[in-house]
Amino acid sequence: QVQLVESGGGLVQAGGSLRLSCLASGRTFSTYNMGWFRQAPGKEREFVAVIRWSGSSTYYADSVKGRFTISRDNAKNTVYLQMNSLKPEDTAVYYCAAGGPRPQWPIDIEYQYDYWGQGTQVTVSS
């Protein structure tokens, strides 16, 4: 069992930056691929970014490529999402998720993840 707790959300002006954190419980964090998803009001949840369990590979949605960076610190059981050049359309609840080892890559679909956090709100004003 893995419990995930996101933090770092808030209100920021367009062009600003935020860093989200996701703290995982348990001693097996380093074996999980970690992803970030987001859900805007009235829209379905969508993939944002994923990082392999080892940190060796990352993958991003086209909408955030070049602006967002996912990273992890396995010693701290934490995954991060650095968000730069934020736009109003980035406004959403951001969720982190943990998925067990899978042969395919990238892992960008909800069913490929086993555990989810409760989400943190990010609001970008214009």
Protein backbone atom coordinates (compact mmCIF):
# COMPACT_ATOMS: atom_id res chain seq x y z
CA GLN A 1 0.00 0.00 0.00
CA VAL A 2 1.25 3.47 -0.90
CA GLN A 3 -0.23 6.74 0.31
CA LEU A 4 0.47 9.91 -1.63
CA VAL A 5 0.16 13.47 -0.37
CA GLU A 6 0.57 16.42 -2.73
CA SER A 7 1.53 19.93 -1.70
CA GLY A 8 2.73 23.16 -3.24
CA GLY A 9 -0.35 24.27 -5.11
CA GLY A 10 -1.65 27.80 -4.97
CA LEU A 11 -2.51 30.95 -6.88
CA VAL A 12 0.05 32.40 -9.27
CA GLN A 13 0.03 34.95 -12.07
CA ALA A 14 0.51 33.92 -15.67
CA GLY A 15 4.20 33.54 -16.43
CA GLY A 16 4.99 32.54 -12.86
CA SER A 17 6.26 29.30 -11.40
CA LEU A 18 5.22 26.73 -8.83
CA ARG A 19 6.79 23.53 -7.60
CA LEU A 20 4.52 20.70 -6.58
CA SER A 21 5.68 17.94 -4.27
CA CYS A 22 4.26 14.49 -3.67
CA LEU A 23 5.35 12.61 -0.57
CA ALA A 24 4.86 8.86 -0.62
CA SER A 25 4.58 6.55 2.35
CA GLY A 26 6.13 3.13 2.46
CA ARG A 27 9.55 1.71 1.76
CA THR A 28 8.92 0.68 -1.84
CA PHE A 29 8.69 4.16 -3.37
CA SER A 30 11.82 3.59 -5.45
CA THR A 31 10.13 0.71 -7.29
CA TYR A 32 7.22 2.81 -8.57
CA ASN A 33 6.90 4.85 -11.71
CA MET A 34 5.49 8.22 -10.67
CA GLY A 35 3.16 10.39 -12.69
CA TRP A 36 1.34 13.69 -12.50
CA PHE A 37 -2.15 14.21 -13.88
CA ARG A 38 -4.48 17.19 -13.76
CA GLN A 39 -8.17 17.88 -13.98
CA ALA A 40 -9.61 21.24 -14.96
CA PRO A 41 -13.20 22.20 -14.12
CA GLY A 42 -15.62 20.47 -16.45
CA LYS A 43 -12.90 18.41 -18.10
CA GLU A 44 -11.59 14.89 -17.79
CA ARG A 45 -8.40 14.18 -15.94
CA GLU A 46 -5.40 14.29 -18.24
CA PHE A 47 -1.82 13.12 -18.15
CA VAL A 48 0.92 15.67 -17.46
CA ALA A 49 4.24 13.90 -16.86
CA VAL A 50 5.81 10.63 -15.72
CA ILE A 51 9.20 9.55 -14.42
CA ARG A 52 10.54 6.02 -14.29
CA TRP A 53 11.16 4.34 -10.95
CA SER A 54 14.91 4.80 -11.49
CA GLY A 55 14.63 8.40 -12.66
CA SER A 56 16.30 7.40 -15.92
CA SER A 57 13.43 8.44 -18.19
CA THR A 58 10.76 11.10 -18.27
CA TYR A 59 7.87 11.83 -20.59
CA TYR A 60 5.59 14.86 -20.92
CA ALA A 61 2.30 15.84 -22.45
CA ASP A 62 2.80 18.14 -25.42
CA SER A 63 0.92 20.90 -23.63
CA VAL A 64 3.58 21.18 -20.90
CA LYS A 65 6.74 20.09 -22.70
CA GLY A 66 9.51 22.63 -22.24
CA ARG A 67 7.73 24.32 -19.33
CA PHE A 68 7.31 21.57 -16.72
CA THR A 69 9.98 19.29 -15.27
CA ILE A 70 9.33 16.12 -13.29
CA SER A 71 11.98 14.79 -10.92
CA ARG A 72 12.22 12.49 -7.93
CA ASP A 73 14.31 11.95 -4.84
CA ASN A 74 14.03 8.32 -3.83
CA ALA A 75 15.86 8.97 -0.58
CA LYS A 76 13.07 11.37 0.41
CA ASN A 77 10.20 9.35 -1.08
CA THR A 78 9.22 12.45 -3.03
CA VAL A 79 8.40 13.32 -6.62
CA TYR A 80 8.34 16.91 -7.83
CA LEU A 81 6.75 18.85 -10.63
CA GLN A 82 8.46 22.14 -11.41
CA MET A 83 6.07 24.30 -13.40
CA ASN A 84 7.41 27.38 -15.19
CA SER A 85 5.85 29.86 -17.59
CA LEU A 86 2.43 29.00 -16.24
CA LYS A 87 -0.64 29.80 -18.31
CA PRO A 88 -4.28 30.23 -17.28
CA GLU A 89 -5.05 26.96 -19.07
CA ASP A 90 -2.79 25.17 -16.57
CA THR A 91 -5.41 25.86 -13.89
CA ALA A 92 -6.50 22.49 -12.50
CA VAL A 93 -6.33 20.11 -9.60
CA TYR A 94 -3.03 18.28 -9.89
CA TYR A 95 -2.75 14.66 -8.79
CA CYS A 96 0.28 12.49 -8.33
CA ALA A 97 0.04 8.77 -8.96
CA ALA A 98 2.19 5.69 -8.42
CA GLY A 99 2.33 2.77 -10.80
CA GLY A 100 4.05 -0.57 -10.49
CA PRO A 101 6.65 -1.78 -13.00
CA ARG A 102 5.35 -2.18 -16.56
CA PRO A 103 7.13 -3.16 -19.74
CA GLN A 104 5.58 -0.41 -21.84
CA TRP A 105 6.74 3.19 -21.91
CA PRO A 106 5.58 5.85 -21.60
CA ILE A 107 3.00 5.26 -18.92
CA ASP A 108 0.43 7.96 -19.55
CA ILE A 109 -2.97 6.36 -18.97
CA GLU A 110 -4.84 6.34 -15.68
CA TYR A 111 -5.36 2.58 -15.46
CA GLN A 112 -1.59 2.08 -15.49
CA TYR A 113 -1.40 3.65 -12.03
CA ASP A 114 -2.27 1.91 -8.80
CA TYR A 115 -2.31 4.69 -6.19
CA TRP A 116 -3.48 8.30 -6.27
CA GLY A 117 -3.13 11.33 -4.07
CA GLN A 118 -5.97 13.64 -3.10
CA GLY A 119 -4.84 16.45 -5.37
CA THR A 120 -3.65 20.02 -4.96
CA GLN A 121 -5.24 23.07 -6.61
CA VAL A 122 -3.22 25.20 -9.00
CA THR A 123 -4.81 28.43 -10.17
CA VAL A 124 -3.13 30.65 -12.75
CA SER A 125 -4.56 34.15 -13.13
CA SER A 126 -4.28 36.14 -16.35
